[in-house]
Structure formats: structure tokens, C-alpha cells
Amino acid sequence: MMAGAAAASQRLARSLNDACQCIWLDRARLERQLLQNVGDTVDLFASRPGMVSGSVVFVGRQDAAAMDRTVRLVHLALSSPAYRQRVADQAPAIARIARHAADSTLGLDFHLGGEMPQLIEINTNPGGLLVNLELARAVTAACDSMAMTLAGLASGGVPLADVPQLVVAGFADEWTAARGAAQLRSIAIVDDDPANQYLHPEFLLYRRLFERAGWRTHIVDAGALECRDGTLQAGGRPIDLVYNRLTDFYLVEPRHSALRQAHEASSAIVTPHPAAHAHWADKRLLAWLRDEAVLEAAGLGADERSHLLHSIPPTEIVDAGTADGLWLRRKQLFFKPADGYGSKAAYRGDKLTRATFDHIVAHRYVAQAIAPTSTRRVVTGSVESDLRVDIRNYCRAGATLLRAARLYRGQTTNFRTPGGGFAPVLTLQDG
């Protein structure tokens, strides 16, 4: 794209996010889609009012291309022997067990409030992929003639219609890498108390998707799993593959002992597994991905290294030796646990007490320079408000499958803001 067209696309995206209310999520269409795919989910969404925003978010073509390049380069770097060795040297023992491919579906989260998109987090079990696919399909506009255009703008790197088969292919590939020609018969979607998880509607979407692929699928509480006669079982039913939605990434909690045992014995395929988290989502990777020497050893050229250095906010590993300096600079930093997720146990530096900071220093944390967010103006009832925006890129093998936004008020993403929640992303094209 020519520089002038790129700048115009960025300006248009900002203007539309500030003013446009003529393109929105068609909730009636969404309900029809969900009824067809999983049955009646109206009550599930009614009890989770902050999950889905009624708005859409516009992204300029230049920002979309920059995020896609970051996705590709992160995958290239972390797939290299240089980074695999760095991870292996730092990972816990259970994360060194990787009997099958660890090329998980990832969620790369960006802030778009600066000169170029800033990668703030990588997730190995990124919530919302299938929910956001349904939202992208349900975008509508005041003008019916835009229907086909909207479908294209809502797509990531592939057409929306191709995303389900690519998701299924990812699970099939992981199974084949571990079990060869053996038939995959049964899957368990596993979390703690899944029926009361905020993203339980997505579990139902995955169950339907897997069942259409010919795999018997159960949604299972992790504590109900048992290891018997060399197999992982749920309610007496053998489980071949576990789609793991736990945030106990290294399976250390006692109620997850059966899943840990099954993973260690390879009596069931677990995905994503502990090695996948260590390899792709340990927060320390955001510091290591700014190490030019390791990036060069990973095979990245000078321009590629420069792109990552400008796309990842300065990130430091917290330890006692750097504590004094970090405390002095705390107002410019965000502190995140190395093995955490979302906003859990994360702290904005200007809100820190000394006691909390001492806790951070005593545990595994990183300190990341605060990356400014973009905003989206939404109308809730008759009230206008500007909400912060995170952009999540759902990716596999270095390619973006789908983009989605999370709208929120405050310092971290949440599902409690009126008018906030997941929102489709429309990527503006040239011209």
C-alpha cells in the first residue's frame, strides 16, 4: 500500500471508531445462528450481558498488515532452535514433555493507540474464537447492499466460511502427530466448573463443531476426570483427546491430577499442553523477543528484528537486582505474572503499594511499558461513551484466522462494562 493510502486508511479508521453507528451487530441474526448451531442459548447470553458488545471496531489496513507481520515473525522466531533452547532452559519439568506438535492456536493481543500496533500478550487457549466467528457473521449495516462487503471486511487472513474447517484441522493435525493413523473417537472440553464459566456458550459451539467432524464430545469438569486401566475417563467414558481450557497451565492443582497423569503417561492427548504454554505464552517471551542477539540466532534479518523491537513494548523480567529501578519507574509500567492470564494478578504500576511490589519481586513477574490503547465510541441506550480497545488476532502456524476486539473501561479487559465485550473487527481496504 502507498504511504498516502495507508495514512488515509488509518485516519478513516479513527474517524469511524469515533462516530460511526450505522454498522452494528445484528442480535436477531446472532440468535438465529446460535439456535441453528447449538440450540437455545438466549438464557446463556442473557446471564452474561457483558460478553458481547453491540458495536464493531474499525482497523486500518496498515495496522492490520503490521499485526499480521508481527504474528508471522513471532511464530518464525519461537519456532527456531535458538528460542526452543531458551524456553527449555527455563521451563518446569512438566513443560519439557512434548510428545506431539505444540503449534497451538494462539491469541496475540495488541493495543493500537500508538504509532504502530503493540503486542502485549500471547495466549495458548485464547477464549472467544468461535463466539467471535458468530459475531463476525452477524454484522449488519443500514444499507443492505453492504452485506457482502461486510463479510469480507470481517474476515482475517481467510474467509469466515473457512475458519471452522481450519479449527478442526488443527485438532486433527495434533492428534495425527501423536497417534498416527489411529482413529480419533472422543474429545473432552475441560475446565473447572465449565457450566458456570463465562465462556460456556463457546464450549457449546466447540462441541457442535467437533460432533460435526465425527468426534463424540463431552464438556467435563476437570475434577471429574479419572485415570483407569491406562486410559483417561470421564463418567466411565474413555477420552482420546482433551481440549484444555484450564488456566492452571502447568497442572499443579490437586484437582487436576488425573489430567496431569494422563499427559505424563500419554494416555490421552492434551491440547494445549504445558509445553505449549511454556513455548508460546510465558510472559518472559515478550522480553526474550526483544533480544536482538537471540533474534539473529533465530534467523531473523535486520528489518525483521527492527519490526519486532518496534512492535513489542519494552519488557523486563522482574528480579531483586532490578527492583529498585523498577520501583522508581513503576508509573510507566504494567506488572504481569509470567504464568498468568488476562488481568489476573496483574498490576498497573501507578496503583502499586510497596507491599504488593515486594510480592511481585518475590514471584515470577515481568514489567512491561504501558502501551496506549485506541478507543471506540459506543452508544448504550442514549448514553455515549468512549471505551478502550484491545485487538485479538486468532492465529495458527503464523497466519491470522480471525480478528476480534474487546471493549472495556478501566485498566484491564473485563466483561462488565455496559456496551463492552467482544466486538467484530472490520479491516478497511485500500482506497
Protein backbone atom coordinates (compact mmCIF):
# COMPACT_ATOMS: atom_id res chain seq x y z
CA MET A 1 0.00 0.00 0.00
CA MET A 2 1.31 3.51 -0.85
CA ALA A 3 2.14 5.68 2.17
CA GLY A 4 -0.63 8.18 1.40
CA ALA A 5 -3.28 5.49 1.10
CA ALA A 6 -2.06 3.86 4.31
CA ALA A 7 -2.29 7.12 6.24
CA ALA A 8 -5.77 7.76 4.82
CA SER A 9 -6.87 4.28 5.92
CA GLN A 10 -5.62 4.95 9.45
CA ARG A 11 -7.38 8.31 9.63
CA LEU A 12 -10.60 6.81 8.33
CA ALA A 13 -10.46 4.01 10.93
CA ARG A 14 -10.06 6.55 13.75
CA SER A 15 -12.90 8.68 12.40
CA LEU A 16 -15.25 5.70 12.07
CA ASN A 17 -14.42 4.50 15.59
CA ASP A 18 -15.23 7.99 16.88
CA ALA A 19 -18.51 8.45 15.04
CA CYS A 20 -19.94 5.55 13.04
CA GLN A 21 -23.06 3.92 14.47
CA CYS A 22 -24.54 2.72 11.13
CA ILE A 23 -22.84 -0.70 11.20
CA TRP A 24 -23.63 -2.94 14.13
CA LEU A 25 -24.12 -6.45 15.47
CA ASP A 26 -27.50 -7.87 14.43
CA ARG A 27 -28.55 -9.65 17.62
CA ALA A 28 -31.59 -11.26 15.99
CA ARG A 29 -29.35 -12.79 13.34
CA LEU A 30 -26.91 -13.89 16.03
CA GLU A 31 -29.69 -15.65 17.94
CA ARG A 32 -30.80 -17.45 14.76
CA GLN A 33 -27.23 -18.60 14.10
CA LEU A 34 -26.79 -19.85 17.65
CA LEU A 35 -30.13 -21.63 17.58
CA GLN A 36 -29.02 -23.46 14.45
CA ASN A 37 -25.55 -24.29 15.77
CA VAL A 38 -26.09 -25.18 19.43
CA GLY A 39 -29.77 -24.87 20.28
CA ASP A 40 -31.30 -22.22 22.51
CA THR A 41 -28.52 -20.09 24.03
CA VAL A 42 -30.59 -16.99 24.77
CA ASP A 43 -30.50 -17.61 28.51
CA LEU A 44 -26.74 -18.19 28.43
CA PHE A 45 -26.10 -14.82 26.82
CA ALA A 46 -28.72 -13.07 28.94
CA SER A 47 -26.84 -14.17 32.06
CA ARG A 48 -23.58 -12.84 30.55
CA PRO A 49 -24.61 -9.32 29.48
CA GLY A 50 -21.06 -8.03 29.19
CA MET A 51 -19.82 -10.74 26.85
CA VAL A 52 -20.95 -9.25 23.55
CA SER A 53 -20.86 -5.59 22.56
CA GLY A 54 -23.37 -4.35 20.00
CA SER A 55 -20.66 -2.35 18.21
CA VAL A 56 -18.00 -3.06 15.64
CA VAL A 57 -14.40 -1.80 15.63
CA PHE A 58 -12.62 -0.46 12.54
CA VAL A 59 -8.93 -1.15 11.88
CA GLY A 60 -6.84 0.48 9.19
CA ARG A 61 -5.18 -1.72 6.57
CA GLN A 62 -1.70 -0.62 7.68
CA ASP A 63 -2.34 -1.66 11.29
CA ALA A 64 -3.81 -4.99 10.14
CA ALA A 65 -0.75 -5.66 7.97
CA ALA A 66 1.59 -4.72 10.83
CA MET A 67 -0.19 -7.13 13.20
CA ASP A 68 -0.07 -9.90 10.60
CA ARG A 69 3.65 -9.35 10.15
CA THR A 70 4.21 -9.46 13.91
CA VAL A 71 2.24 -12.72 14.09
CA ARG A 72 4.39 -14.25 11.35
CA LEU A 73 7.70 -13.09 12.83
CA VAL A 74 6.81 -14.19 16.37
CA HIS A 75 5.95 -17.64 15.04
CA LEU A 76 9.17 -17.74 12.99
CA ALA A 77 11.32 -16.73 15.97
CA LEU A 78 9.68 -19.00 18.55
CA SER A 79 9.83 -21.98 16.18
CA SER A 80 13.62 -21.68 15.91
CA PRO A 81 16.14 -23.86 17.77
CA ALA A 82 17.54 -20.74 19.47
CA TYR A 83 14.24 -19.94 21.19
CA ARG A 84 13.33 -23.56 21.80
CA GLN A 85 16.57 -23.89 23.75
CA ARG A 86 15.93 -20.65 25.67
CA VAL A 87 12.47 -21.93 26.68
CA ALA A 88 13.75 -25.41 27.59
CA ASP A 89 16.38 -23.92 29.88
CA GLN A 90 13.71 -22.01 31.84
CA ALA A 91 10.65 -24.30 31.72
CA PRO A 92 9.38 -26.51 34.58
CA ALA A 93 9.82 -30.28 34.18
CA ILE A 94 6.26 -30.97 33.01
CA ALA A 95 6.70 -28.41 30.22
CA ARG A 96 9.56 -30.46 28.80
CA ILE A 97 7.14 -33.27 27.96
CA ALA A 98 6.07 -32.68 24.37
CA ARG A 99 5.38 -35.92 22.57
CA HIS A 100 3.35 -34.24 19.86
CA ALA A 101 3.22 -30.98 17.94
CA ALA A 102 2.89 -27.84 20.07
CA ASP A 103 1.84 -25.47 17.24
CA SER A 104 -1.30 -24.39 19.10
CA THR A 105 -3.98 -21.94 18.08
CA LEU A 106 -2.77 -18.70 19.62
CA GLY A 107 -4.30 -15.38 20.56
CA LEU A 108 -1.99 -12.40 20.07
CA ASP A 109 -3.37 -9.28 21.76
CA PHE A 110 -2.49 -5.78 20.55
CA HIS A 111 -3.00 -2.17 21.60
CA LEU A 112 -3.42 0.30 18.73
CA GLY A 113 -3.07 3.66 20.47
CA GLY A 114 0.49 4.39 19.35
CA GLU A 115 2.35 4.74 16.06
CA MET A 116 2.16 1.01 15.36
CA PRO A 117 0.30 -1.93 16.96
CA GLN A 118 1.92 -3.11 20.20
CA LEU A 119 1.87 -6.82 21.10
CA ILE A 120 1.05 -7.01 24.81
CA GLU A 121 0.27 -10.70 25.33
CA ILE A 122 0.27 -14.17 23.74
CA ASN A 123 -2.25 -16.83 24.82
CA THR A 124 -2.36 -20.57 24.07
CA ASN A 125 -6.03 -21.11 24.87
CA PRO A 126 -7.47 -17.84 23.60
CA GLY A 127 -11.11 -17.58 24.56
CA GLY A 128 -13.71 -16.30 22.16
CA LEU A 129 -12.64 -17.66 18.76
CA LEU A 130 -15.93 -19.35 17.88
CA VAL A 131 -18.03 -16.70 19.65
CA ASN A 132 -16.29 -14.03 17.60
CA LEU A 133 -16.77 -16.02 14.42
CA GLU A 134 -20.51 -15.93 15.07
CA LEU A 135 -20.34 -12.19 15.78
CA ALA A 136 -18.45 -11.55 12.53
CA ARG A 137 -21.16 -13.42 10.63
CA ALA A 138 -23.87 -11.32 12.29
CA VAL A 139 -22.57 -7.85 11.37
CA THR A 140 -25.13 -5.75 9.54
CA ALA A 141 -25.47 -2.22 8.21
CA ALA A 142 -28.12 0.36 7.49
CA CYS A 143 -27.61 -0.37 3.80
CA ASP A 144 -28.36 -3.95 2.66
CA SER A 145 -26.06 -3.56 -0.34
CA MET A 146 -23.06 -3.70 2.03
CA ALA A 147 -23.74 -7.27 3.20
CA MET A 148 -21.12 -8.94 1.00
CA THR A 149 -18.61 -6.15 1.65
CA LEU A 150 -19.00 -6.55 5.42
CA ALA A 151 -18.32 -10.28 5.27
CA GLY A 152 -15.02 -9.56 3.54
CA LEU A 153 -14.06 -6.77 5.93
CA ALA A 154 -14.77 -9.01 8.95
CA SER A 155 -12.50 -11.78 7.68
CA GLY A 156 -8.95 -12.15 8.94
CA GLY A 157 -6.46 -13.91 6.74
CA VAL A 158 -9.05 -16.39 5.45
CA PRO A 159 -12.76 -16.20 4.56
CA LEU A 160 -15.11 -16.58 7.51
CA ALA A 161 -16.58 -19.73 5.96
CA ASP A 162 -13.17 -21.45 6.08
CA VAL A 163 -12.43 -20.82 9.77
CA PRO A 164 -14.38 -23.82 11.19
CA GLN A 165 -12.63 -26.35 8.98
CA LEU A 166 -9.24 -24.85 9.81
CA VAL A 167 -10.00 -25.12 13.54
CA VAL A 168 -11.00 -28.76 13.12
CA ALA A 169 -7.90 -29.41 11.00
CA GLY A 170 -5.71 -28.02 13.78
CA PHE A 171 -7.05 -30.54 16.31
CA ALA A 172 -6.86 -33.35 13.75
CA ASP A 173 -3.23 -32.48 12.98
CA GLU A 174 -2.28 -32.59 16.67
CA TRP A 175 -3.96 -35.98 17.01
CA THR A 176 -2.24 -37.38 13.91
CA ALA A 177 1.16 -36.09 15.03
CA ALA A 178 0.77 -38.06 18.27
CA ARG A 179 -1.23 -41.13 17.23
CA GLY A 180 -0.61 -41.52 13.53
CA ALA A 181 -3.41 -43.33 11.69
CA ALA A 182 -5.34 -44.24 14.85
CA GLN A 183 -8.95 -43.01 14.82
CA LEU A 184 -9.90 -40.05 17.00
CA ARG A 185 -13.22 -41.01 18.57
CA SER A 186 -13.81 -38.88 21.66
CA ILE A 187 -12.97 -35.39 22.91
CA ALA A 188 -13.46 -33.78 26.31
CA ILE A 189 -13.66 -29.99 26.55
CA VAL A 190 -12.25 -29.48 30.04
CA ASP A 191 -12.39 -26.61 32.51
CA ASP A 192 -13.18 -26.06 36.18
CA ASP A 193 -16.96 -26.00 36.65
CA PRO A 194 -17.47 -25.42 32.91
CA ALA A 195 -21.22 -24.76 33.11
CA ASN A 196 -20.52 -21.65 35.18
CA GLN A 197 -17.59 -20.37 33.15
CA TYR A 198 -18.31 -17.07 31.48
CA LEU A 199 -17.39 -18.55 28.09
CA HIS A 200 -19.55 -21.66 28.47
CA PRO A 201 -21.51 -20.69 25.33
CA GLU A 202 -18.28 -21.15 23.38
CA PHE A 203 -17.85 -24.66 24.80
CA LEU A 204 -21.23 -25.49 23.26
CA LEU A 205 -20.05 -24.12 19.92
CA TYR A 206 -16.91 -26.26 20.06
CA ARG A 207 -18.93 -29.32 20.99
CA ARG A 208 -21.16 -28.85 17.97
CA LEU A 209 -18.15 -28.25 15.71
CA PHE A 210 -16.39 -31.40 16.92
CA GLU A 211 -19.52 -33.53 16.66
CA ARG A 212 -19.99 -32.43 13.06
CA ALA A 213 -16.45 -33.67 12.45
CA GLY A 214 -17.50 -37.08 13.74
CA TRP A 215 -15.96 -36.92 17.22
CA ARG A 216 -18.03 -37.72 20.31
CA THR A 217 -17.65 -34.68 22.53
CA HIS A 218 -18.30 -34.06 26.22
CA ILE A 219 -17.95 -30.90 28.30
CA VAL A 220 -16.28 -32.06 31.51
CA ASP A 221 -15.25 -30.61 34.86
CA ALA A 222 -11.51 -31.23 35.26
CA GLY A 223 -12.08 -32.61 38.75
CA ALA A 224 -14.34 -35.35 37.37
CA LEU A 225 -11.61 -36.90 35.20
CA GLU A 226 -10.14 -40.25 36.25
CA CYS A 227 -7.26 -42.40 35.09
CA ARG A 228 -8.30 -46.07 34.92
CA ASP A 229 -6.78 -49.07 33.17
CA GLY A 230 -4.33 -46.88 31.26
CA THR A 231 -6.98 -44.54 29.89
CA LEU A 232 -8.36 -41.13 30.82
CA GLN A 233 -12.05 -41.38 31.58
CA ALA A 234 -14.98 -39.06 32.28
CA GLY A 235 -18.04 -40.72 33.81
CA GLY A 236 -16.71 -44.11 32.74
CA ARG A 237 -16.27 -42.98 29.12
CA PRO A 238 -12.76 -43.15 27.62
CA ILE A 239 -11.33 -39.85 26.38
CA ASP A 240 -8.89 -39.76 23.46
CA LEU A 241 -8.18 -36.02 23.32
CA VAL A 242 -8.64 -33.18 25.81
CA TYR A 243 -9.30 -29.65 24.64
CA ASN A 244 -7.78 -28.00 27.69
CA ARG A 245 -9.34 -24.68 28.73
CA LEU A 246 -7.78 -24.61 32.20
CA THR A 247 -5.68 -21.66 33.30
CA ASP A 248 -3.62 -23.92 35.57
CA PHE A 249 -1.13 -24.11 32.74
CA TYR A 250 1.30 -26.50 34.43
CA LEU A 251 -1.39 -28.70 36.03
CA VAL A 252 -0.15 -28.17 39.59
CA GLU A 253 -3.53 -28.02 41.36
CA PRO A 254 -4.55 -31.27 43.11
CA ARG A 255 -7.95 -31.39 41.37
CA HIS A 256 -6.12 -31.58 38.03
CA SER A 257 -4.01 -34.60 39.00
CA ALA A 258 -5.81 -37.01 36.65
CA LEU A 259 -5.21 -34.73 33.68
CA ARG A 260 -1.58 -34.32 34.67
CA GLN A 261 -1.17 -38.09 34.99
CA ALA A 262 -2.79 -38.67 31.60
CA HIS A 263 -0.49 -36.11 29.98
CA GLU A 264 2.64 -37.53 31.58
CA ALA A 265 1.69 -41.10 30.59
CA SER A 266 0.40 -40.05 27.15
CA SER A 267 -2.81 -41.94 27.84
CA ALA A 268 -4.70 -39.01 26.32
CA ILE A 269 -3.63 -36.17 24.07
CA VAL A 270 -3.89 -32.84 25.88
CA THR A 271 -4.01 -29.61 23.89
CA PRO A 272 -2.83 -27.05 24.65
CA HIS A 273 -0.42 -28.81 26.99
CA PRO A 274 2.14 -27.38 29.45
CA ALA A 275 4.95 -27.36 26.90
CA ALA A 276 2.79 -25.32 24.54
CA HIS A 277 2.24 -22.70 27.24
CA ALA A 278 5.95 -22.51 28.04
CA HIS A 279 6.85 -22.36 24.35
CA TRP A 280 4.35 -19.72 23.24
CA ALA A 281 2.75 -17.89 26.17
CA ASP A 282 5.18 -17.48 29.09
CA LYS A 283 5.22 -13.69 29.57
CA ARG A 284 9.03 -13.72 29.71
CA LEU A 285 8.97 -14.44 25.98
CA LEU A 286 8.00 -10.82 25.37
CA ALA A 287 11.35 -9.83 26.90
CA TRP A 288 13.27 -12.52 25.04
CA LEU A 289 11.65 -11.50 21.74
CA ARG A 290 13.36 -8.12 22.17
CA ASP A 291 16.81 -9.74 22.48
CA GLU A 292 18.47 -8.92 19.15
CA ALA A 293 21.21 -11.50 19.58
CA VAL A 294 18.71 -14.32 20.02
CA LEU A 295 16.54 -12.97 17.19
CA GLU A 296 19.59 -13.01 14.92
CA ALA A 297 20.43 -16.55 16.02
CA ALA A 298 16.80 -17.44 15.19
CA GLY A 299 17.43 -16.36 11.60
CA LEU A 300 15.60 -13.02 11.52
CA GLY A 301 17.08 -10.33 9.30
CA ALA A 302 17.80 -6.77 10.39
CA ASP A 303 14.48 -5.39 9.13
CA GLU A 304 12.55 -8.24 10.78
CA ARG A 305 14.36 -7.69 14.08
CA SER A 306 13.61 -3.98 13.88
CA HIS A 307 9.92 -4.69 13.31
CA LEU A 308 9.65 -6.82 16.45
CA LEU A 309 11.60 -4.30 18.53
CA HIS A 310 9.09 -1.62 17.48
CA SER A 311 6.05 -3.92 17.89
CA ILE A 312 6.66 -5.24 21.42
CA PRO A 313 6.66 -2.75 24.31
CA PRO A 314 9.90 -2.77 26.34
CA THR A 315 9.51 -5.74 28.68
CA GLU A 316 11.78 -6.71 31.58
CA ILE A 317 11.95 -9.77 33.81
CA VAL A 318 11.49 -8.68 37.42
CA ASP A 319 14.12 -9.77 39.92
CA ALA A 320 15.72 -8.49 43.09
CA GLY A 321 18.61 -6.95 41.18
CA THR A 322 16.37 -4.65 39.15
CA ALA A 323 13.73 -3.99 41.83
CA ASP A 324 14.92 -0.52 42.90
CA GLY A 325 14.96 0.80 39.35
CA LEU A 326 11.58 -0.73 38.55
CA TRP A 327 10.05 0.84 41.65
CA LEU A 328 11.28 4.29 40.57
CA ARG A 329 9.83 3.76 37.06
CA ARG A 330 6.69 1.95 38.19
CA LYS A 331 4.25 4.61 36.95
CA GLN A 332 5.23 3.85 33.35
CA LEU A 333 4.97 0.06 33.79
CA PHE A 334 2.42 -2.73 33.93
CA PHE A 335 3.38 -5.79 36.02
CA LYS A 336 2.20 -9.23 34.86
CA PRO A 337 2.80 -12.72 36.29
CA ALA A 338 4.94 -14.80 33.92
CA ASP A 339 2.42 -17.66 34.00
CA GLY A 340 -0.72 -15.57 34.40
CA TYR A 341 -3.52 -14.75 32.01
CA GLY A 342 -5.67 -11.73 31.24
CA SER A 343 -5.78 -9.33 34.17
CA LYS A 344 -5.36 -11.97 36.91
CA ALA A 345 -2.78 -10.76 39.46
CA ALA A 346 -1.66 -8.01 37.05
CA TYR A 347 -0.98 -4.52 38.37
CA ARG A 348 -0.64 -1.09 36.86
CA GLY A 349 2.45 0.48 38.40
CA ASP A 350 0.88 3.78 39.39
CA LYS A 351 -1.59 1.87 41.60
CA LEU A 352 1.01 -0.23 43.40
CA THR A 353 1.63 -0.27 47.13
CA ARG A 354 5.10 -1.16 48.39
CA ALA A 355 3.77 -4.39 49.91
CA THR A 356 2.31 -5.51 46.58
CA PHE A 357 5.53 -4.58 44.80
CA ASP A 358 7.52 -6.70 47.27
CA HIS A 359 5.17 -9.61 46.47
CA ILE A 360 5.84 -9.08 42.75
CA VAL A 361 9.61 -9.13 43.26
CA ALA A 362 9.36 -12.38 45.23
CA HIS A 363 7.45 -14.12 42.42
CA ARG A 364 7.78 -14.64 38.65
CA TYR A 365 6.74 -11.35 37.01
CA VAL A 366 7.55 -9.21 34.02
CA ALA A 367 7.33 -5.42 33.83
CA GLN A 368 6.02 -4.08 30.53
CA ALA A 369 5.96 -0.48 29.37
CA ILE A 370 2.36 0.72 29.23
CA ALA A 371 1.13 0.66 25.62
CA PRO A 372 -1.67 3.15 24.90
CA THR A 373 -5.00 1.80 23.68
CA SER A 374 -7.21 3.12 20.93
CA THR A 375 -10.86 3.87 21.70
CA ARG A 376 -14.31 3.15 20.26
CA ARG A 377 -17.32 5.38 20.89
CA VAL A 378 -20.39 3.32 21.72
CA VAL A 379 -23.99 4.24 22.42
CA THR A 380 -25.73 2.36 25.24
CA GLY A 381 -29.34 3.41 25.44
CA SER A 382 -28.96 7.12 24.81
CA VAL A 383 -25.58 7.44 26.53
CA GLU A 384 -22.38 7.82 24.51
CA SER A 385 -19.06 6.69 25.98
CA ASP A 386 -15.53 6.04 24.76
CA LEU A 387 -14.28 2.54 25.57
CA ARG A 388 -10.77 1.16 25.39
CA VAL A 389 -9.97 -1.37 22.65
CA ASP A 390 -7.80 -4.48 22.59
CA ILE A 391 -7.45 -6.32 19.29
CA ARG A 392 -7.06 -10.10 19.48
CA ASN A 393 -5.62 -11.94 16.49
CA TYR A 394 -6.53 -15.65 16.48
CA CYS A 395 -3.65 -17.38 14.70
CA ARG A 396 -2.25 -20.72 13.72
CA ALA A 397 1.17 -21.50 12.21
CA GLY A 398 1.97 -17.81 11.86
CA ALA A 399 -1.22 -16.88 9.98
CA THR A 400 -4.20 -14.88 11.23
CA LEU A 401 -7.52 -16.74 11.10
CA LEU A 402 -9.74 -14.03 12.59
CA ARG A 403 -9.50 -10.67 14.31
CA ALA A 404 -11.78 -9.52 17.12
CA ALA A 405 -11.93 -6.66 19.59
CA ARG A 406 -12.58 -6.45 23.31
CA LEU A 407 -14.15 -3.19 24.51
CA TYR A 408 -13.84 -2.17 28.15
CA ARG A 409 -13.49 0.64 30.65
CA GLY A 410 -10.69 0.70 33.21
CA GLN A 411 -7.13 -0.55 33.10
CA THR A 412 -7.68 -4.17 32.07
CA THR A 413 -10.12 -6.04 29.86
CA ASN A 414 -13.29 -7.24 31.51
CA PHE A 415 -16.82 -8.33 30.65
CA ARG A 416 -18.54 -5.91 33.00
CA THR A 417 -18.63 -2.64 31.05
CA PRO A 418 -22.02 -1.52 29.66
CA GLY A 419 -21.66 -1.58 25.87
CA GLY A 420 -18.41 -3.52 26.20
CA GLY A 421 -17.37 -7.10 25.49
CA PHE A 422 -16.36 -8.89 22.30
CA ALA A 423 -16.88 -6.97 19.06
CA PRO A 424 -16.25 -7.80 15.39
CA VAL A 425 -13.32 -6.09 13.68
CA LEU A 426 -13.77 -4.62 10.22
CA THR A 427 -10.48 -4.11 8.38
CA LEU A 428 -10.59 -1.21 5.94
CA GLN A 429 -9.31 -1.86 2.44
CA ASP A 430 -7.31 0.27 0.00
CA GLY A 431 -8.87 3.33 -1.49
